[in-house]
Structures are given as C-alpha cells and as structure tokens.
C-alpha cells in the first residue's frame, strides 16, 4: 500500500525504494525491547499489536483505547496493565523506541540498504504532532517516506478489521495529529484503489512483485550475511538468548569440520543453524524469560517455534533449502522431539548434527532457572542423550570435539577493555547499574562510568544496541570459546 501510494504521489523513483524498504522493515526492531515489554505488560507480542494503534492525540479515542488496553491478560489484570502503561510510557517509551530504531538502523546498514532507508526507520514511532516516540521530531521535519508509511500503516491496520471505508475515515480522523494532513488529503480520494492491492490472493508474492526498480537480490555470498542479521534480531527476543543462534552455528561449523564435511555442506549447515530459531519471534519474550515450568499453553507455544521457523523459510526461494534442517533442531532419533515427533529415518546428517549442536549450546548458556553448564558437564549431558538413543552419537562426539577449540586471544573490538566487556554483557541482558555492581563487586557509580565509556566507544545508546554490538563482534561469553 505504501509503495503504491508513493507512486500515486509522483515521488522520485529513489523515494519509492525507500518507502518500500522502510515499510517492510518498519517493525524489525520490535524484538529490541521485547524482554522489557513482556516484563511490564505480560505479552510483548500483544502489546506491540495494540501500541501501533494508540492515539494519544485524541483524548476521547485514547480513553477508550486505554479502557481496553491489556485485555490480553484477562479482566482482572487489565486495569493494572493500563495504569502501568500510563505510568511508564513517558519515560520508557523513548528508551524502547530508541532501542528499536538502533536495531532497525543497524540491520539496514548490515544489509547495505539505502542510507535513507536506515534514516526513515529512525522515525517509525514519531507523529506529525510531535507526540510520538521518542518525540524529538514533528511535522515536515519527519522524512517524507516515513510519513507515507505512517498513513499507509494506519489505513492497513483499520482495513484489516473494518474494511476500506473505515480505513479512510480513520486516517482522516488522525490527520493533523498522528498523520500529515496533506498526505491524508491525497490518500482518502484514492483509498479504494490503494487498499485494493490487499485483495491479492498471495500477499507475499504481491509484495515481492511490488518492489520498485531493479530487484535487490542476495547472492550466494550474501546469504550468510542475511542469516547473521536475522539471527541477531531473533536473539534479542529474550534476556537469555543473546548470541544463541551464532553460538549454535559456530559449534555446528566446528563439528562439521571435525567430521571432514565438504566446505559447501559446512556452510549450508552453518546458515541453517543461524536461522534455526526464527520462529521464536512469534512467542512472547515472557515465555523465554520465565523461570520454572511453563503452563501447558505456553509450553505448546514454545514447542511450536520450529514449525514457525519452517513456515518463514519455506516462503523465501533463497532460504527454503535450509527450512527442513533448521526446523528439525528439536527432533530426536526416538521420536520424542518436537514439533513433528520425527524418527531417525526422517532425520538426515545435517539435522542430527544441528540438534546436537543446539542441545550442547543451550546447556552452556544461562537460562532463567539455572546457570550455564561447564563444557565438561555439557559433554556428559549430551553423551547421555546419545546413549539413550535421542541424539546421534557421531554428531555428539563431533560437537564435543569441536567445542574444545582453543580460546581466541584477539583484542576486543572498539577498544573495549576486559572489564568494559563484562559490564556490557550484563547491561545487554537488562541488568540495572545496581545489579551489575553487585555481580562485579563495584559501585553503581563506577558501573555508570564504565557504561558511559562503553557507549562512546561503540556508538550505541541502548541495551539492545549494546547487545547487537556484542553479537556482531562475538563478545558474548559462549562465542568467545571458539576461534575462527
């Protein structure tokens, strides 16, 4: 819708591309603050869906929206969550959107998208009247592509529930508040035609076909870069998942080399490993961060994440070849795994090796209910799984051998010191300055001084931005156990 709107506006061709890319990536940074959102509002996925339609510029409408805010948590919790939003939004809103924008901007840079696309992503939560987040820009100071996306987004959200007439009425209501009134004046008369593109039988194919100009393709050399970028976005989903996908990929690569696989097979396995947890984004961060046993409903949601991984990858011609292996990482030889309950005869050697690598990696990472296993303890645990007939014995042996690689002694990127890396890791997990001080036995003031220097050195200003830097540079503890 946004791309067609930009064409009807007669914008320059370069603007069509920026609008197309910014609309596609508009929500890519939403994992950046998912842990905090889930902690405040129970379900970060439900919260994000509601957040995009709140309208603080219209007191009457906003009052009704707040009256329903938090319904996903049930009638008893709803008033508490609504009040919490009113209490924390003024302070946490700018922090959350800054984190999301840093991540979106970082991904755009990593994929070498147009610089103006990255810039437009910095304004996806702003408003024409200046009442958006972080609330630093308003009116025509907002990039035009971002304003085009704002109008299109609100029209599409309303259209999905109430149809075209209601969608046009909604953007008209938001004119001069949330939305650029001049763009609304252009949109409404042709709203039927613009929203008609949503009637396409296959939305995915329609979006691909709508790409302006020369299609941006990812060649063979770029697939790994794409997979790494997606892995980082996914691993921001929970406090204990930072760097997990890269960790699994490095273990899987080392194990495949132990088994003397051809380079092409090693690379294919590594890419599948980077992509294996994509389905986590559809599960609330509260599920991944919760200590203790999960309720049955949440357990089922968690067990479905490999299924969603497969669904995502199967739609993309370039990545579909990795779908089956990536989605098999929780399957077991005896049929006790999930989501399919596949047996040994259905699992190829790549699926078996990825399952072993994922199991080993998870054990050596902290989780809500336990500390990380030592390498030796993890080796004993996965060996026991192999003896029980659940994991492939050859794959387990290769994983254990590969995980014993010599630690790297390379200097820290960005000029960080060892102590600054330790502080950055804890900050990336969402610990407060006081909590970090307790862990590292220093004063909160010293922690604050460390963080100020860290932010200056790495040019990031949020927990998610810091986490992204650590993942990009292999500075998480589990990553540093493996040399390239």
Protein backbone atom coordinates (compact mmCIF):
# COMPACT_ATOMS: atom_id res chain seq x y z
CA UNK A 1 0.00 0.00 0.00
CA UNK A 2 2.78 2.45 0.92
CA UNK A 3 4.70 1.77 -2.29
CA UNK A 4 1.64 2.26 -4.49
CA UNK A 5 0.80 5.42 -2.55
CA UNK A 6 4.29 6.80 -3.17
CA UNK A 7 3.82 6.15 -6.90
CA UNK A 8 0.46 7.92 -6.96
CA UNK A 9 2.07 10.87 -5.18
CA UNK A 10 4.57 11.14 -8.01
CA UNK A 11 7.57 10.84 -5.71
CA UNK A 12 11.02 10.33 -7.29
CA UNK A 13 11.95 6.67 -8.03
CA UNK A 14 14.52 6.62 -5.24
CA UNK A 15 11.77 7.53 -2.77
CA UNK A 16 9.70 4.55 -3.93
CA UNK A 17 12.56 2.26 -2.91
CA UNK A 18 12.98 3.94 0.47
CA UNK A 19 9.24 3.70 1.16
CA UNK A 20 9.16 0.03 0.11
CA UNK A 21 12.11 -0.94 2.29
CA UNK A 22 11.07 1.17 5.29
CA UNK A 23 7.55 -0.29 5.21
CA UNK A 24 8.93 -3.83 5.08
CA UNK A 25 11.34 -3.24 7.97
CA UNK A 26 9.10 -0.95 9.98
CA UNK A 27 8.72 -3.47 12.83
CA UNK A 28 12.01 -5.35 12.51
CA UNK A 29 13.39 -3.71 15.65
CA UNK A 30 10.47 -4.76 17.85
CA UNK A 31 12.49 -7.58 19.41
CA UNK A 32 14.87 -4.94 20.78
CA UNK A 33 12.70 -4.17 23.80
CA UNK A 34 10.68 -7.36 23.96
CA UNK A 35 12.05 -8.52 27.32
CA UNK A 36 11.19 -5.22 28.99
CA UNK A 37 7.78 -5.01 27.28
CA UNK A 38 6.93 -8.53 28.43
CA UNK A 39 8.04 -7.70 31.97
CA UNK A 40 5.75 -4.66 32.03
CA UNK A 41 2.78 -5.99 30.07
CA UNK A 42 2.99 -9.83 30.21
CA UNK A 43 2.92 -10.37 26.43
CA UNK A 44 5.16 -8.24 24.21
CA UNK A 45 3.54 -9.57 21.02
CA UNK A 46 0.04 -8.48 22.10
CA UNK A 47 1.44 -5.20 23.41
CA UNK A 48 3.13 -4.36 20.10
CA UNK A 49 -0.09 -5.00 18.19
CA UNK A 50 -2.01 -2.56 20.39
CA UNK A 51 0.78 0.01 20.65
CA UNK A 52 0.74 0.72 16.92
CA UNK A 53 -2.87 1.96 17.08
CA UNK A 54 -2.86 4.02 20.27
CA UNK A 55 -3.70 7.67 19.59
CA UNK A 56 -2.78 9.99 22.50
CA UNK A 57 -3.61 12.97 20.28
CA UNK A 58 -7.37 12.33 20.57
CA UNK A 59 -8.42 12.26 24.26
CA UNK A 60 -11.79 10.60 23.61
CA UNK A 61 -10.38 7.84 21.42
CA UNK A 62 -7.33 7.39 23.66
CA UNK A 63 -9.55 6.99 26.71
CA UNK A 64 -11.45 4.16 25.03
CA UNK A 65 -8.21 2.53 23.91
CA UNK A 66 -6.77 2.65 27.42
CA UNK A 67 -10.02 1.23 28.74
CA UNK A 68 -9.31 -1.89 26.68
CA UNK A 69 -5.51 -1.88 26.97
CA UNK A 70 -4.26 -5.13 28.50
CA UNK A 71 -7.34 -7.20 27.62
CA UNK A 72 -4.97 -9.97 26.54
CA UNK A 73 -4.14 -10.57 30.22
CA UNK A 74 -7.77 -11.04 31.32
CA UNK A 75 -10.26 -8.77 33.09
CA UNK A 76 -8.52 -8.90 36.47
CA UNK A 77 -5.13 -7.79 35.13
CA UNK A 78 -6.39 -5.34 32.51
CA UNK A 79 -6.78 -2.25 34.75
CA UNK A 80 -3.35 -2.81 36.28
CA UNK A 81 -1.65 -3.05 32.87
CA UNK A 82 -3.49 0.02 31.57
CA UNK A 83 -2.38 2.09 34.54
CA UNK A 84 1.14 0.75 34.20
CA UNK A 85 1.27 1.90 30.60
CA UNK A 86 0.18 5.41 31.60
CA UNK A 87 2.83 5.42 34.34
CA UNK A 88 5.81 4.15 32.36
CA UNK A 89 5.16 5.34 28.79
CA UNK A 90 6.58 8.86 29.30
CA UNK A 91 9.95 7.51 30.49
CA UNK A 92 10.19 4.07 28.91
CA UNK A 93 8.62 4.94 25.55
CA UNK A 94 11.61 6.94 24.32
CA UNK A 95 14.00 4.27 25.62
CA UNK A 96 12.11 1.47 23.87
CA UNK A 97 11.76 3.26 20.56
CA UNK A 98 15.40 4.33 20.62
CA UNK A 99 16.35 0.68 21.05
CA UNK A 100 14.05 -0.43 18.22
CA UNK A 101 15.39 2.28 15.93
CA UNK A 102 19.00 1.39 16.70
CA UNK A 103 18.35 -2.23 15.84
CA UNK A 104 16.37 -1.42 12.69
CA UNK A 105 19.02 1.04 11.59
CA UNK A 106 21.77 -1.48 12.31
CA UNK A 107 20.06 -4.17 10.27
CA UNK A 108 19.55 -1.80 7.34
CA UNK A 109 23.24 -0.92 7.43
CA UNK A 110 24.25 -4.57 7.69
CA UNK A 111 22.16 -5.46 4.63
CA UNK A 112 23.60 -2.44 2.80
CA UNK A 113 20.23 -0.86 2.18
CA UNK A 114 19.98 2.74 1.04
CA UNK A 115 21.16 5.17 3.77
CA UNK A 116 17.83 7.00 3.52
CA UNK A 117 16.02 3.74 4.36
CA UNK A 118 18.00 3.47 7.56
CA UNK A 119 17.22 7.10 8.34
CA UNK A 120 13.48 6.58 7.74
CA UNK A 121 13.47 3.71 10.24
CA UNK A 122 14.52 6.16 12.96
CA UNK A 123 11.10 7.83 12.71
CA UNK A 124 8.59 4.98 12.55
CA UNK A 125 7.19 5.76 16.03
CA UNK A 126 7.10 9.54 15.59
CA UNK A 127 3.95 11.54 14.83
CA UNK A 128 3.11 14.64 12.82
CA UNK A 129 2.10 16.47 16.03
CA UNK A 130 5.30 15.57 17.87
CA UNK A 131 3.54 13.30 20.39
CA UNK A 132 5.19 10.11 19.18
CA UNK A 133 8.31 8.39 20.43
CA UNK A 134 10.96 9.44 21.13
CA UNK A 135 9.08 12.69 20.43
CA UNK A 136 12.02 14.68 19.10
CA UNK A 137 10.73 15.37 15.58
CA UNK A 138 7.43 16.57 14.13
CA UNK A 139 5.76 17.97 11.03
CA UNK A 140 7.74 18.32 7.84
CA UNK A 141 10.96 17.61 9.72
CA UNK A 142 9.89 13.97 9.53
CA UNK A 143 11.26 12.35 6.35
CA UNK A 144 8.58 12.14 3.67
CA UNK A 145 8.98 8.35 3.20
CA UNK A 146 8.34 7.86 6.93
CA UNK A 147 5.16 9.97 6.72
CA UNK A 148 3.96 7.93 3.74
CA UNK A 149 4.50 4.74 5.76
CA UNK A 150 2.62 6.22 8.76
CA UNK A 151 -0.51 6.92 6.70
CA UNK A 152 -0.40 3.57 4.94
CA UNK A 153 0.12 1.64 8.17
CA UNK A 154 -2.91 3.13 9.93
CA UNK A 155 -5.06 2.53 6.86
CA UNK A 156 -3.98 -1.11 6.62
CA UNK A 157 -4.48 -1.79 10.34
CA UNK A 158 -8.04 -0.46 10.27
CA UNK A 159 -8.81 -2.08 6.91
CA UNK A 160 -7.97 -5.49 8.35
CA UNK A 161 -10.74 -5.16 10.94
CA UNK A 162 -13.38 -2.92 9.40
CA UNK A 163 -12.82 -2.52 5.67
CA UNK A 164 -11.95 0.27 3.26
CA UNK A 165 -14.48 2.93 4.27
CA UNK A 166 -13.48 2.69 7.92
CA UNK A 167 -9.80 2.79 6.96
CA UNK A 168 -10.24 6.05 5.05
CA UNK A 169 -12.28 7.50 7.91
CA UNK A 170 -9.58 6.55 10.40
CA UNK A 171 -6.72 8.21 8.54
CA UNK A 172 -8.94 11.27 8.11
CA UNK A 173 -9.55 11.35 11.87
CA UNK A 174 -5.80 11.18 12.54
CA UNK A 175 -4.97 13.99 10.08
CA UNK A 176 -3.03 16.80 11.75
CA UNK A 177 -2.46 14.67 14.83
CA UNK A 178 -0.75 11.40 14.08
CA UNK A 179 -0.61 11.89 10.33
CA UNK A 180 0.50 14.50 7.81
CA UNK A 181 -2.80 16.19 6.79
CA UNK A 182 -1.59 16.91 3.25
CA UNK A 183 -0.81 13.21 2.71
CA UNK A 184 -4.20 12.24 4.15
CA UNK A 185 -5.85 14.58 1.65
CA UNK A 186 -4.04 12.71 -1.12
CA UNK A 187 -4.79 9.24 0.29
CA UNK A 188 -8.52 9.37 1.03
CA UNK A 189 -9.85 10.05 -2.52
CA UNK A 190 -7.94 7.05 -3.89
CA UNK A 191 -8.19 4.88 -0.78
CA UNK A 192 -10.35 2.26 -2.53
CA UNK A 193 -7.72 1.76 -5.21
CA UNK A 194 -4.75 1.85 -2.85
CA UNK A 195 -6.24 -0.65 -0.41
CA UNK A 196 -7.41 -2.82 -3.29
CA UNK A 197 -3.88 -4.23 -3.52
CA UNK A 198 -4.64 -6.06 -0.25
CA UNK A 199 -7.08 -8.30 -2.12
CA UNK A 200 -4.19 -10.19 -3.70
CA UNK A 201 -4.55 -13.94 -3.21
CA UNK A 202 -0.93 -14.28 -2.06
CA UNK A 203 0.25 -11.22 -0.15
CA UNK A 204 3.86 -12.43 -0.03
CA UNK A 205 4.13 -12.72 -3.81
CA UNK A 206 2.34 -9.39 -4.27
CA UNK A 207 4.86 -7.62 -2.06
CA UNK A 208 7.80 -9.16 -3.89
CA UNK A 209 6.28 -8.08 -7.21
CA UNK A 210 5.75 -4.54 -5.90
CA UNK A 211 9.45 -3.87 -5.30
CA UNK A 212 10.36 -0.69 -7.18
CA UNK A 213 13.15 -0.50 -9.72
CA UNK A 214 15.74 -3.23 -10.00
CA UNK A 215 15.11 -6.02 -7.51
CA UNK A 216 17.60 -6.17 -4.65
CA UNK A 217 18.95 -9.72 -4.69
CA UNK A 218 21.05 -11.63 -2.20
CA UNK A 219 23.66 -13.71 -3.98
CA UNK A 220 25.36 -16.80 -2.63
CA UNK A 221 27.99 -14.74 -0.81
CA UNK A 222 25.32 -12.61 0.82
CA UNK A 223 23.16 -15.38 2.26
CA UNK A 224 25.35 -15.83 5.31
CA UNK A 225 25.28 -12.07 5.99
CA UNK A 226 21.50 -12.10 5.75
CA UNK A 227 21.27 -15.13 8.03
CA UNK A 228 23.55 -13.50 10.60
CA UNK A 229 21.44 -10.34 10.58
CA UNK A 230 18.22 -12.29 11.13
CA UNK A 231 19.89 -14.35 13.87
CA UNK A 232 20.76 -11.20 15.79
CA UNK A 233 17.21 -9.87 15.54
CA UNK A 234 15.82 -13.16 16.85
CA UNK A 235 18.32 -13.45 19.68
CA UNK A 236 17.18 -10.13 21.13
CA UNK A 237 13.84 -11.80 21.84
CA UNK A 238 14.74 -12.97 25.34
CA UNK A 239 17.16 -11.96 28.06
CA UNK A 240 18.87 -15.37 27.99
CA UNK A 241 19.03 -15.83 24.21
CA UNK A 242 21.64 -13.22 23.29
CA UNK A 243 24.05 -14.74 20.80
CA UNK A 244 22.43 -18.19 20.94
CA UNK A 245 21.95 -18.62 17.18
CA UNK A 246 25.52 -17.62 16.42
CA UNK A 247 26.72 -19.88 19.22
CA UNK A 248 24.89 -22.86 17.72
CA UNK A 249 26.22 -22.01 14.26
CA UNK A 250 29.82 -21.88 15.45
CA UNK A 251 29.51 -25.21 17.28
CA UNK A 252 27.82 -26.81 14.27
CA UNK A 253 30.51 -25.50 11.92
CA UNK A 254 33.32 -26.76 14.17
CA UNK A 255 31.64 -30.17 14.48
CA UNK A 256 31.10 -30.49 10.71
CA UNK A 257 34.78 -29.77 10.17
CA UNK A 258 35.66 -32.44 12.72
CA UNK A 259 33.67 -34.83 10.52
CA UNK A 260 35.50 -33.53 7.42
CA UNK A 261 32.38 -32.46 5.61
CA UNK A 262 32.84 -30.64 2.27
CA UNK A 263 33.03 -26.85 2.61
CA UNK A 264 29.71 -26.42 0.84
CA UNK A 265 27.96 -28.71 3.31
CA UNK A 266 29.62 -26.95 6.26
CA UNK A 267 28.38 -23.57 5.02
CA UNK A 268 24.85 -24.88 4.42
CA UNK A 269 24.70 -26.28 7.96
CA UNK A 270 26.01 -23.05 9.44
CA UNK A 271 23.35 -20.99 7.66
CA UNK A 272 20.60 -23.38 8.81
CA UNK A 273 21.95 -23.02 12.34
CA UNK A 274 21.87 -19.22 12.15
CA UNK A 275 18.23 -19.40 11.02
CA UNK A 276 17.01 -22.23 13.25
CA UNK A 277 15.27 -20.07 15.87
CA UNK A 278 13.46 -17.57 13.61
CA UNK A 279 10.14 -18.90 14.89
CA UNK A 280 10.90 -17.59 18.39
CA UNK A 281 9.76 -14.11 17.34
CA UNK A 282 6.13 -15.26 17.39
CA UNK A 283 6.30 -16.33 21.04
CA UNK A 284 6.19 -13.72 23.85
CA UNK A 285 9.53 -12.98 25.50
CA UNK A 286 7.92 -13.75 28.87
CA UNK A 287 7.86 -17.42 27.83
CA UNK A 288 11.61 -17.45 27.14
CA UNK A 289 12.47 -15.43 30.25
CA UNK A 290 10.21 -17.23 32.74
CA UNK A 291 11.92 -19.39 35.40
CA UNK A 292 10.44 -22.73 36.33
CA UNK A 293 8.00 -24.98 34.45
CA UNK A 294 5.79 -23.34 31.84
CA UNK A 295 1.99 -23.59 31.91
CA UNK A 296 0.68 -26.04 29.32
CA UNK A 297 -0.45 -23.29 26.95
CA UNK A 298 2.93 -21.57 26.98
CA UNK A 299 4.74 -24.89 26.67
CA UNK A 300 2.78 -25.55 23.49
CA UNK A 301 3.63 -22.12 22.10
CA UNK A 302 7.31 -22.70 22.80
CA UNK A 303 7.26 -26.15 21.18
CA UNK A 304 5.79 -24.68 18.00
CA UNK A 305 8.67 -22.30 17.32
CA UNK A 306 10.49 -24.74 14.97
CA UNK A 307 7.26 -25.05 12.98
CA UNK A 308 7.16 -21.29 12.52
CA UNK A 309 10.82 -21.32 11.53
CA UNK A 310 9.95 -23.71 8.71
CA UNK A 311 6.95 -21.64 7.62
CA UNK A 312 9.06 -18.48 7.41
CA UNK A 313 11.90 -20.09 5.47
CA UNK A 314 9.69 -22.05 3.08
CA UNK A 315 8.26 -18.83 1.64
CA UNK A 316 11.63 -17.49 0.53
CA UNK A 317 13.14 -19.17 -2.57
CA UNK A 318 16.67 -18.34 -1.45
CA UNK A 319 16.25 -19.71 2.07
CA UNK A 320 13.78 -22.57 1.61
CA UNK A 321 16.62 -25.05 1.14
CA UNK A 322 17.51 -24.56 4.83
CA UNK A 323 13.97 -24.90 6.17
CA UNK A 324 13.86 -28.62 6.93
CA UNK A 325 17.21 -28.82 8.70
CA UNK A 326 16.59 -25.61 10.65
CA UNK A 327 13.17 -26.81 11.80
CA UNK A 328 14.49 -30.20 12.92
CA UNK A 329 16.73 -28.89 15.71
CA UNK A 330 14.43 -30.18 18.47
CA UNK A 331 13.63 -33.52 16.82
CA UNK A 332 15.08 -36.67 18.38
CA UNK A 333 16.00 -40.05 16.91
CA UNK A 334 13.50 -41.93 19.09
CA UNK A 335 10.56 -39.73 18.06
CA UNK A 336 10.42 -37.89 21.41
CA UNK A 337 11.26 -34.49 19.93
CA UNK A 338 9.07 -31.72 18.54
CA UNK A 339 7.22 -30.34 16.70
CA UNK A 340 6.80 -33.35 14.35
CA UNK A 341 7.96 -36.20 16.54
CA UNK A 342 10.20 -37.34 13.65
CA UNK A 343 12.18 -40.59 13.95
CA UNK A 344 15.73 -41.46 12.98
CA UNK A 345 14.85 -42.44 9.41
CA UNK A 346 13.42 -38.96 8.78
CA UNK A 347 16.47 -37.04 10.03
CA UNK A 348 19.47 -36.54 7.73
CA UNK A 349 23.00 -36.00 8.99
CA UNK A 350 22.68 -32.19 8.97
CA UNK A 351 19.52 -32.35 11.09
CA UNK A 352 21.23 -34.69 13.54
CA UNK A 353 24.31 -32.52 13.85
CA UNK A 354 22.29 -29.33 14.30
CA UNK A 355 20.20 -30.98 17.02
CA UNK A 356 23.34 -31.99 18.90
CA UNK A 357 24.90 -28.54 18.48
CA UNK A 358 21.75 -26.79 19.71
CA UNK A 359 21.47 -29.08 22.73
CA UNK A 360 25.12 -28.53 23.68
CA UNK A 361 24.95 -24.76 23.13
CA UNK A 362 21.81 -24.39 25.24
CA UNK A 363 23.39 -26.25 28.14
CA UNK A 364 26.45 -23.99 28.13
CA UNK A 365 24.29 -20.83 28.26
CA UNK A 366 22.48 -19.39 31.27
CA UNK A 367 18.74 -19.98 31.41
CA UNK A 368 16.11 -18.49 33.75
CA UNK A 369 16.14 -21.50 36.06
CA UNK A 370 19.85 -22.46 36.02
CA UNK A 371 23.41 -21.34 35.49
CA UNK A 372 25.40 -22.36 32.44
CA UNK A 373 26.92 -25.85 32.43
CA UNK A 374 30.68 -26.19 32.14
CA UNK A 375 31.89 -27.68 28.86
CA UNK A 376 32.63 -30.97 30.62
CA UNK A 377 29.21 -31.15 32.26
CA UNK A 378 27.51 -30.30 28.96
CA UNK A 379 29.54 -33.01 27.23
CA UNK A 380 28.40 -35.57 29.79
CA UNK A 381 24.76 -34.49 29.40
CA UNK A 382 24.64 -34.74 25.60
CA UNK A 383 26.57 -38.02 25.72
CA UNK A 384 23.87 -39.39 28.00
CA UNK A 385 21.27 -38.29 25.43
CA UNK A 386 23.19 -40.18 22.75
CA UNK A 387 23.36 -43.34 24.87
CA UNK A 388 19.59 -43.06 25.45
CA UNK A 389 19.04 -43.02 21.69
CA UNK A 390 17.78 -39.48 21.42
CA UNK A 391 20.80 -37.72 19.89
CA UNK A 392 23.07 -39.11 17.18
CA UNK A 393 26.27 -40.49 18.78
CA UNK A 394 28.60 -39.48 15.92
CA UNK A 395 27.18 -35.94 15.92
CA UNK A 396 27.54 -35.66 19.69
CA UNK A 397 31.17 -36.78 19.56
CA UNK A 398 31.91 -34.22 16.83
CA UNK A 399 30.18 -31.43 18.79
CA UNK A 400 32.16 -32.22 21.92
CA UNK A 401 35.42 -32.28 19.96
CA UNK A 402 34.57 -29.06 18.12
CA UNK A 403 33.59 -27.29 21.31
CA UNK A 404 37.06 -27.88 22.73
CA UNK A 405 38.59 -25.40 20.28
CA UNK A 406 41.25 -23.12 21.65
CA UNK A 407 40.05 -19.80 23.03
CA UNK A 408 40.84 -16.74 20.99
CA UNK A 409 43.10 -14.09 22.47
CA UNK A 410 42.31 -11.40 19.93
CA UNK A 411 41.97 -7.80 21.24
CA UNK A 412 38.47 -6.56 21.98
CA UNK A 413 36.73 -4.59 19.19
CA UNK A 414 36.01 -0.91 19.69
CA UNK A 415 38.93 -0.52 22.07
CA UNK A 416 36.92 -2.06 24.91
CA UNK A 417 38.74 -3.36 27.97
CA UNK A 418 38.01 -6.76 29.50
CA UNK A 419 36.13 -5.07 32.35
CA UNK A 420 34.08 -2.99 29.93
CA UNK A 421 33.14 -6.15 28.04
CA UNK A 422 31.97 -7.73 31.31
CA UNK A 423 29.86 -4.65 32.12
CA UNK A 424 28.47 -4.51 28.58
CA UNK A 425 27.39 -8.15 28.68
CA UNK A 426 25.41 -7.65 31.88
CA UNK A 427 23.88 -4.40 30.61
CA UNK A 428 22.86 -6.18 27.40
CA UNK A 429 20.97 -8.73 29.50
CA UNK A 430 18.95 -5.88 31.04
CA UNK A 431 20.58 -5.72 34.49
CA UNK A 432 20.40 -2.38 36.27
CA UNK A 433 23.53 -0.49 37.30
CA UNK A 434 22.94 -1.63 40.87
CA UNK A 435 22.61 -5.28 39.81
CA UNK A 436 25.74 -5.09 37.66
CA UNK A 437 27.61 -3.55 40.60
CA UNK A 438 26.59 -6.50 42.78
CA UNK A 439 27.70 -9.07 40.24
CA UNK A 440 31.06 -7.43 39.53
CA UNK A 441 31.71 -6.12 43.06
CA UNK A 442 31.95 -2.43 42.25
CA UNK A 443 29.89 0.66 43.00
CA UNK A 444 26.88 1.64 40.84
CA UNK A 445 28.67 4.90 40.11
CA UNK A 446 31.65 3.00 38.71
CA UNK A 447 29.27 0.95 36.58
CA UNK A 448 27.76 4.17 35.25
CA UNK A 449 31.20 5.48 34.36
CA UNK A 450 32.02 2.23 32.57
CA UNK A 451 28.76 2.38 30.61
CA UNK A 452 29.36 5.98 29.56
CA UNK A 453 32.76 4.99 28.14
CA UNK A 454 31.32 1.87 26.51
CA UNK A 455 28.55 3.81 24.78
CA UNK A 456 31.05 6.35 23.49
CA UNK A 457 33.40 3.65 22.18
CA UNK A 458 30.76 1.57 20.40
CA UNK A 459 28.44 4.47 19.45
CA UNK A 460 25.32 2.81 20.88
CA UNK A 461 22.86 4.21 23.42
CA UNK A 462 20.57 1.34 24.40
CA UNK A 463 20.62 -2.15 25.85
CA UNK A 464 19.56 -3.61 22.51
CA UNK A 465 22.15 -1.59 20.63
CA UNK A 466 24.84 -2.83 23.02
CA UNK A 467 23.60 -6.41 22.65
CA UNK A 468 23.73 -6.06 18.86
CA UNK A 469 27.35 -4.83 19.06
CA UNK A 470 28.32 -7.78 21.27
CA UNK A 471 26.71 -10.26 18.89
CA UNK A 472 28.21 -8.61 15.81
CA UNK A 473 31.69 -8.87 17.33
CA UNK A 474 31.46 -12.29 19.03
CA UNK A 475 31.85 -10.81 22.52
CA UNK A 476 29.29 -12.90 24.37
CA UNK A 477 30.86 -15.49 26.69
CA UNK A 478 29.78 -18.55 24.73
CA UNK A 479 31.03 -17.01 21.48
CA UNK A 480 34.49 -16.34 22.81
CA UNK A 481 35.06 -20.01 23.48
CA UNK A 482 35.51 -20.64 19.76
CA UNK A 483 38.25 -19.47 17.47
CA UNK A 484 37.51 -18.93 13.79
